[in-house]
N, C-alpha and C. Protein backbone atom coordinates (compact mmCIF):
# COMPACT_ATOMS: atom_id res chain seq x y z
N UNK A 1 -8.52 73.14 35.39
CA UNK A 1 -9.11 72.55 36.58
C UNK A 1 -10.33 73.38 36.99
N UNK A 2 -11.44 72.72 37.26
CA UNK A 2 -12.68 73.38 37.62
C UNK A 2 -12.72 73.61 39.12
N UNK A 3 -13.07 74.83 39.50
CA UNK A 3 -13.18 75.17 40.90
C UNK A 3 -14.52 74.66 41.43
N UNK A 4 -14.54 74.24 42.70
CA UNK A 4 -15.79 73.84 43.32
C UNK A 4 -16.64 75.08 43.55
N UNK A 5 -17.94 75.02 43.24
CA UNK A 5 -18.80 76.19 43.45
C UNK A 5 -18.98 76.45 44.94
N UNK A 6 -19.13 77.70 45.30
CA UNK A 6 -19.39 78.07 46.69
C UNK A 6 -20.80 77.66 47.09
N UNK A 7 -21.06 77.65 48.39
CA UNK A 7 -22.40 77.34 48.88
C UNK A 7 -23.42 78.33 48.32
N UNK A 8 -23.03 79.59 48.23
CA UNK A 8 -23.94 80.61 47.70
C UNK A 8 -24.29 80.34 46.23
N UNK A 9 -23.27 80.00 45.45
CA UNK A 9 -23.50 79.72 44.03
C UNK A 9 -24.42 78.51 43.87
N UNK A 10 -24.24 77.51 44.70
CA UNK A 10 -25.13 76.34 44.66
C UNK A 10 -26.55 76.76 44.97
N UNK A 11 -26.73 77.61 45.98
CA UNK A 11 -28.08 78.08 46.34
C UNK A 11 -28.71 78.87 45.19
N UNK A 12 -27.92 79.67 44.50
CA UNK A 12 -28.43 80.41 43.34
C UNK A 12 -28.88 79.44 42.26
N UNK A 13 -28.10 78.41 42.01
CA UNK A 13 -28.44 77.42 40.99
C UNK A 13 -29.70 76.64 41.38
N UNK A 14 -29.83 76.32 42.67
CA UNK A 14 -31.03 75.61 43.14
C UNK A 14 -32.26 76.48 42.91
N UNK A 15 -32.16 77.77 43.22
CA UNK A 15 -33.30 78.67 42.98
C UNK A 15 -33.67 78.67 41.50
N UNK A 16 -32.67 78.71 40.63
CA UNK A 16 -32.94 78.69 39.19
C UNK A 16 -33.59 77.37 38.77
N UNK A 17 -33.17 76.24 39.36
CA UNK A 17 -33.79 74.96 39.03
C UNK A 17 -35.24 74.93 39.51
N UNK A 18 -35.50 75.50 40.69
CA UNK A 18 -36.87 75.55 41.18
C UNK A 18 -37.74 76.35 40.21
N UNK A 19 -37.21 77.45 39.71
CA UNK A 19 -37.96 78.24 38.71
C UNK A 19 -38.29 77.38 37.49
N UNK A 20 -37.32 76.62 37.00
CA UNK A 20 -37.56 75.76 35.83
C UNK A 20 -38.63 74.72 36.11
N UNK A 21 -38.65 74.18 37.31
CA UNK A 21 -39.68 73.19 37.67
C UNK A 21 -41.04 73.88 37.78
N UNK A 22 -41.05 75.12 38.28
CA UNK A 22 -42.31 75.88 38.31
C UNK A 22 -42.88 76.04 36.91
N UNK A 23 -42.01 76.22 35.92
CA UNK A 23 -42.49 76.32 34.54
C UNK A 23 -43.20 75.03 34.11
N UNK A 24 -42.66 73.89 34.51
CA UNK A 24 -43.28 72.59 34.20
C UNK A 24 -44.62 72.48 34.89
N UNK A 25 -44.67 72.82 36.19
CA UNK A 25 -45.91 72.73 36.95
C UNK A 25 -46.96 73.70 36.42
N UNK A 26 -46.53 74.86 35.97
CA UNK A 26 -47.45 75.87 35.45
C UNK A 26 -48.06 75.45 34.12
N UNK A 27 -47.41 74.52 33.45
CA UNK A 27 -47.88 74.08 32.13
C UNK A 27 -48.97 73.01 32.23
N UNK A 28 -49.48 72.80 33.42
CA UNK A 28 -50.62 71.94 33.67
C UNK A 28 -50.42 70.52 33.10
N UNK A 29 -51.35 70.05 32.32
CA UNK A 29 -51.29 68.68 31.78
C UNK A 29 -50.07 68.48 30.89
N UNK A 30 -49.66 69.51 30.17
CA UNK A 30 -48.48 69.39 29.31
C UNK A 30 -47.22 69.15 30.14
N UNK A 31 -47.18 69.70 31.35
CA UNK A 31 -46.05 69.46 32.24
C UNK A 31 -45.97 68.00 32.64
N UNK A 32 -47.12 67.39 32.90
CA UNK A 32 -47.16 65.96 33.23
C UNK A 32 -46.68 65.16 32.02
N UNK A 33 -47.13 65.54 30.84
CA UNK A 33 -46.70 64.84 29.62
C UNK A 33 -45.19 64.96 29.42
N UNK A 34 -44.64 66.12 29.75
CA UNK A 34 -43.22 66.37 29.53
C UNK A 34 -42.32 65.51 30.42
N UNK A 35 -42.65 65.40 31.71
CA UNK A 35 -41.76 64.70 32.65
C UNK A 35 -42.35 63.43 33.24
N UNK A 36 -43.57 63.09 32.89
CA UNK A 36 -44.21 61.90 33.44
C UNK A 36 -44.76 62.18 34.83
N UNK A 37 -45.58 61.28 35.31
CA UNK A 37 -46.23 61.50 36.61
C UNK A 37 -45.20 61.50 37.74
N UNK A 38 -44.23 60.61 37.69
CA UNK A 38 -43.22 60.56 38.74
C UNK A 38 -42.38 61.83 38.76
N UNK A 39 -41.97 62.29 37.60
CA UNK A 39 -41.21 63.52 37.52
C UNK A 39 -42.02 64.70 37.99
N UNK A 40 -43.27 64.76 37.58
CA UNK A 40 -44.14 65.87 37.97
C UNK A 40 -44.27 65.96 39.49
N UNK A 41 -44.46 64.80 40.11
CA UNK A 41 -44.67 64.78 41.55
C UNK A 41 -43.38 64.86 42.36
N UNK A 42 -42.25 64.47 41.77
CA UNK A 42 -41.03 64.35 42.57
C UNK A 42 -39.89 65.31 42.23
N UNK A 43 -39.87 65.92 41.06
CA UNK A 43 -38.78 66.83 40.71
C UNK A 43 -38.65 67.96 41.72
N UNK A 44 -39.75 68.53 42.09
CA UNK A 44 -39.76 69.65 43.03
C UNK A 44 -39.14 69.23 44.36
N UNK A 45 -39.52 68.05 44.79
CA UNK A 45 -39.03 67.50 46.06
C UNK A 45 -37.51 67.44 46.11
N UNK A 46 -36.89 67.14 44.98
CA UNK A 46 -35.44 67.03 44.92
C UNK A 46 -34.74 68.33 45.29
N UNK A 47 -35.39 69.46 45.05
CA UNK A 47 -34.76 70.76 45.29
C UNK A 47 -35.31 71.51 46.49
N UNK A 48 -36.55 71.22 46.87
CA UNK A 48 -37.19 72.02 47.91
C UNK A 48 -36.79 71.61 49.32
N UNK A 49 -36.71 70.35 49.58
CA UNK A 49 -36.45 69.92 50.95
C UNK A 49 -34.95 69.87 51.22
N UNK A 50 -34.39 71.07 51.26
CA UNK A 50 -32.98 71.29 51.58
C UNK A 50 -32.95 72.06 52.90
N UNK A 51 -31.99 71.75 53.75
CA UNK A 51 -31.92 72.50 55.03
C UNK A 51 -31.88 74.02 54.83
N UNK A 52 -31.21 74.49 53.79
CA UNK A 52 -31.11 75.94 53.58
C UNK A 52 -32.47 76.56 53.28
N UNK A 53 -33.30 75.86 52.54
CA UNK A 53 -34.63 76.40 52.22
C UNK A 53 -35.53 76.31 53.44
N UNK A 54 -35.51 75.18 54.09
CA UNK A 54 -36.38 75.01 55.25
C UNK A 54 -36.01 75.95 56.39
N UNK A 55 -34.73 76.33 56.49
CA UNK A 55 -34.29 77.24 57.55
C UNK A 55 -34.38 78.71 57.12
N UNK A 56 -34.68 78.96 55.84
CA UNK A 56 -34.76 80.32 55.34
C UNK A 56 -33.40 80.92 55.00
N UNK A 57 -32.39 80.09 54.78
CA UNK A 57 -31.03 80.58 54.51
C UNK A 57 -30.63 80.39 53.05
N UNK A 58 -31.57 80.23 52.17
CA UNK A 58 -31.27 80.00 50.76
C UNK A 58 -31.29 81.32 49.99
N UNK A 59 -31.15 81.24 48.68
CA UNK A 59 -31.23 82.41 47.82
C UNK A 59 -32.68 82.84 47.57
N UNK A 60 -33.62 82.10 48.12
CA UNK A 60 -35.03 82.46 47.98
C UNK A 60 -35.38 83.61 48.93
N UNK A 61 -36.22 84.51 48.46
CA UNK A 61 -36.75 85.54 49.35
C UNK A 61 -37.76 84.89 50.29
N UNK A 62 -38.19 85.61 51.29
CA UNK A 62 -39.18 85.08 52.24
C UNK A 62 -40.47 84.70 51.50
N UNK A 63 -40.93 85.57 50.59
CA UNK A 63 -42.16 85.28 49.85
C UNK A 63 -41.99 84.09 48.91
N UNK A 64 -40.83 84.00 48.25
CA UNK A 64 -40.56 82.87 47.36
C UNK A 64 -40.54 81.57 48.16
N UNK A 65 -39.88 81.61 49.30
CA UNK A 65 -39.81 80.42 50.15
C UNK A 65 -41.22 79.97 50.57
N UNK A 66 -42.08 80.91 50.97
CA UNK A 66 -43.43 80.57 51.40
C UNK A 66 -44.22 79.91 50.28
N UNK A 67 -44.16 80.46 49.08
CA UNK A 67 -44.94 79.90 47.97
C UNK A 67 -44.35 78.55 47.53
N UNK A 68 -43.05 78.41 47.58
CA UNK A 68 -42.42 77.15 47.20
C UNK A 68 -42.83 76.05 48.19
N UNK A 69 -42.83 76.35 49.47
CA UNK A 69 -43.23 75.35 50.46
C UNK A 69 -44.72 75.02 50.35
N UNK A 70 -45.53 76.02 49.97
CA UNK A 70 -46.96 75.79 49.75
C UNK A 70 -47.17 74.84 48.56
N UNK A 71 -46.43 75.05 47.48
CA UNK A 71 -46.54 74.17 46.32
C UNK A 71 -46.04 72.77 46.67
N UNK A 72 -44.99 72.68 47.47
CA UNK A 72 -44.50 71.37 47.91
C UNK A 72 -45.59 70.62 48.68
N UNK A 73 -46.34 71.33 49.52
CA UNK A 73 -47.46 70.71 50.24
C UNK A 73 -48.54 70.23 49.27
N UNK A 74 -48.85 71.04 48.25
CA UNK A 74 -49.81 70.65 47.21
C UNK A 74 -49.36 69.35 46.54
N UNK A 75 -48.10 69.31 46.16
CA UNK A 75 -47.58 68.12 45.47
C UNK A 75 -47.58 66.89 46.37
N UNK A 76 -47.27 67.09 47.64
CA UNK A 76 -47.33 65.96 48.58
C UNK A 76 -48.76 65.45 48.72
N UNK A 77 -49.72 66.36 48.78
CA UNK A 77 -51.13 65.96 48.87
C UNK A 77 -51.55 65.23 47.59
N UNK A 78 -51.11 65.73 46.43
CA UNK A 78 -51.45 65.08 45.16
C UNK A 78 -50.86 63.68 45.12
N UNK A 79 -49.65 63.54 45.60
CA UNK A 79 -48.98 62.23 45.60
C UNK A 79 -49.71 61.25 46.53
N UNK A 80 -50.11 61.73 47.69
CA UNK A 80 -50.83 60.88 48.65
C UNK A 80 -52.21 60.49 48.13
N UNK A 81 -52.85 61.41 47.41
CA UNK A 81 -54.21 61.16 46.91
C UNK A 81 -54.23 60.29 45.67
N UNK A 82 -53.10 60.20 44.97
CA UNK A 82 -53.07 59.47 43.69
C UNK A 82 -51.91 58.48 43.63
N UNK A 83 -51.77 57.62 44.64
CA UNK A 83 -50.57 56.77 44.68
C UNK A 83 -50.44 55.77 43.54
N UNK A 84 -51.54 55.30 43.00
CA UNK A 84 -51.47 54.28 41.95
C UNK A 84 -52.04 54.75 40.62
N UNK A 85 -52.18 56.04 40.44
CA UNK A 85 -52.72 56.56 39.19
C UNK A 85 -51.73 56.37 38.05
N UNK A 86 -52.28 56.14 36.89
CA UNK A 86 -51.46 56.19 35.68
C UNK A 86 -51.33 57.67 35.31
N UNK A 87 -50.46 57.96 34.36
CA UNK A 87 -50.30 59.35 33.91
C UNK A 87 -51.63 59.89 33.39
N UNK A 88 -52.34 59.09 32.60
CA UNK A 88 -53.62 59.53 32.04
C UNK A 88 -54.64 59.81 33.14
N UNK A 89 -54.70 58.95 34.13
CA UNK A 89 -55.64 59.16 35.23
C UNK A 89 -55.27 60.41 36.04
N UNK A 90 -53.99 60.62 36.22
CA UNK A 90 -53.55 61.81 36.95
C UNK A 90 -53.91 63.08 36.18
N UNK A 91 -53.70 63.07 34.87
CA UNK A 91 -54.05 64.23 34.04
C UNK A 91 -55.56 64.47 34.10
N UNK A 92 -56.34 63.40 34.13
CA UNK A 92 -57.80 63.54 34.20
C UNK A 92 -58.28 64.02 35.56
N UNK A 93 -57.47 63.82 36.59
CA UNK A 93 -57.83 64.32 37.92
C UNK A 93 -57.72 65.85 37.89
N UNK A 94 -58.10 66.49 38.97
CA UNK A 94 -58.00 67.95 38.98
C UNK A 94 -56.68 68.46 39.54
N UNK A 95 -55.76 67.59 39.90
CA UNK A 95 -54.51 68.03 40.53
C UNK A 95 -53.67 68.94 39.64
N UNK A 96 -53.37 68.59 38.41
CA UNK A 96 -52.55 69.53 37.61
C UNK A 96 -53.22 70.90 37.44
N UNK A 97 -54.53 70.91 37.31
CA UNK A 97 -55.25 72.18 37.16
C UNK A 97 -55.30 72.98 38.47
N UNK A 98 -55.20 72.30 39.60
CA UNK A 98 -55.16 72.99 40.90
C UNK A 98 -53.78 73.54 41.18
N UNK A 99 -52.76 72.84 40.75
CA UNK A 99 -51.38 73.22 41.03
C UNK A 99 -50.90 74.31 40.07
N UNK A 100 -51.32 74.27 38.82
CA UNK A 100 -50.81 75.19 37.79
C UNK A 100 -50.97 76.67 38.14
N UNK A 101 -52.12 77.14 38.62
CA UNK A 101 -52.23 78.57 38.92
C UNK A 101 -51.26 79.04 40.01
N UNK A 102 -51.06 78.22 41.03
CA UNK A 102 -50.13 78.57 42.09
C UNK A 102 -48.70 78.58 41.54
N UNK A 103 -48.38 77.66 40.65
CA UNK A 103 -47.05 77.63 40.03
C UNK A 103 -46.85 78.86 39.15
N UNK A 104 -47.89 79.27 38.44
CA UNK A 104 -47.78 80.48 37.60
C UNK A 104 -47.54 81.71 38.46
N UNK A 105 -48.26 81.81 39.58
CA UNK A 105 -48.06 82.94 40.49
C UNK A 105 -46.64 82.92 41.05
N UNK A 106 -46.15 81.75 41.42
CA UNK A 106 -44.80 81.63 41.96
C UNK A 106 -43.76 82.02 40.91
N UNK A 107 -43.99 81.61 39.69
CA UNK A 107 -43.07 81.95 38.60
C UNK A 107 -42.99 83.46 38.42
N UNK A 108 -44.12 84.13 38.46
CA UNK A 108 -44.13 85.59 38.35
C UNK A 108 -43.41 86.24 39.53
N UNK A 109 -43.59 85.69 40.71
CA UNK A 109 -42.89 86.20 41.88
C UNK A 109 -41.37 86.07 41.70
N UNK A 110 -40.91 84.93 41.21
CA UNK A 110 -39.48 84.72 40.97
C UNK A 110 -38.96 85.72 39.95
N UNK A 111 -39.75 85.99 38.92
CA UNK A 111 -39.31 86.90 37.87
C UNK A 111 -39.26 88.36 38.31
N UNK A 112 -39.94 88.69 39.40
CA UNK A 112 -39.83 90.06 39.92
C UNK A 112 -38.39 90.36 40.30
N UNK A 113 -37.70 89.37 40.84
CA UNK A 113 -36.28 89.54 41.18
C UNK A 113 -35.38 89.15 40.02
N UNK A 114 -35.83 88.24 39.19
CA UNK A 114 -35.01 87.71 38.10
C UNK A 114 -34.30 86.44 38.52
N UNK A 115 -33.55 85.88 37.60
CA UNK A 115 -32.80 84.66 37.89
C UNK A 115 -31.37 85.02 38.22
N UNK A 116 -30.75 84.19 39.04
CA UNK A 116 -29.37 84.40 39.45
C UNK A 116 -28.39 83.89 38.41
N UNK A 117 -27.19 84.39 38.49
CA UNK A 117 -26.10 83.89 37.65
C UNK A 117 -25.79 82.45 38.04
N UNK A 118 -25.41 81.67 37.07
CA UNK A 118 -24.97 80.29 37.32
C UNK A 118 -23.45 80.24 37.49
N UNK A 119 -22.77 81.35 37.18
CA UNK A 119 -21.31 81.35 37.14
C UNK A 119 -20.65 82.09 38.30
N UNK A 120 -21.33 83.10 38.85
CA UNK A 120 -20.70 83.86 39.94
C UNK A 120 -21.74 84.27 40.96
N UNK A 121 -21.26 84.53 42.18
CA UNK A 121 -22.14 84.89 43.28
C UNK A 121 -22.75 86.28 43.06
N UNK A 122 -24.03 86.37 43.41
CA UNK A 122 -24.74 87.65 43.34
C UNK A 122 -25.47 87.87 44.66
N UNK A 123 -25.49 89.12 45.11
CA UNK A 123 -26.26 89.47 46.30
C UNK A 123 -27.75 89.38 45.96
N UNK A 124 -28.11 89.87 44.79
CA UNK A 124 -29.44 89.79 44.20
C UNK A 124 -29.22 89.54 42.72
N UNK A 125 -30.21 89.00 42.01
CA UNK A 125 -30.02 88.79 40.58
C UNK A 125 -29.59 90.08 39.88
N UNK A 126 -28.51 89.98 39.12
CA UNK A 126 -27.99 91.13 38.41
C UNK A 126 -27.06 92.03 39.22
N UNK A 127 -26.85 91.69 40.49
CA UNK A 127 -25.99 92.49 41.36
C UNK A 127 -24.86 91.60 41.89
N UNK A 128 -23.75 91.62 41.19
CA UNK A 128 -22.64 90.77 41.55
C UNK A 128 -22.21 91.02 43.00
N UNK A 129 -21.97 89.93 43.72
CA UNK A 129 -21.56 89.99 45.12
C UNK A 129 -20.11 90.43 45.21
N UNK A 130 -19.87 91.47 45.97
CA UNK A 130 -18.50 91.95 46.18
C UNK A 130 -18.21 91.85 47.67
N UNK A 131 -17.28 90.96 48.06
CA UNK A 131 -16.98 90.81 49.49
C UNK A 131 -16.38 92.10 50.07
N UNK A 132 -16.66 92.35 51.33
CA UNK A 132 -16.11 93.55 51.97
C UNK A 132 -14.60 93.42 52.11
N UNK A 133 -13.92 94.55 52.22
CA UNK A 133 -12.46 94.57 52.27
C UNK A 133 -11.94 94.48 53.70
N UNK A 134 -12.74 94.03 54.63
CA UNK A 134 -12.30 93.93 56.04
C UNK A 134 -11.15 93.00 56.22
């Protein structure tokens, strides 16, 4: 029988998924080719607009949260500016090239801490969470 993951473990997994999406965004036009225009513009949205992230209670650091929300704003602007673009037209626009450097910077920021475990709670990546004995 599989145990339900804790809220903390879910937050760790969400942070790891955001990192994976940053890799797609950092890959510029190739990222659009990989997931399509809809995926490129909406995958991030699926993970970013969570109450825990917006309130600052997620596994993201303050700096990670700031850059993630900044990229979300970039993607929302790109979506609003290109509502009827085809994938080719979107790739030809400057949006992927404007978003990619910020995604690369964010990816490097995430890697400073590392990625969290998908299997057990950690206080920080690589530091298993040990509850107090109170």
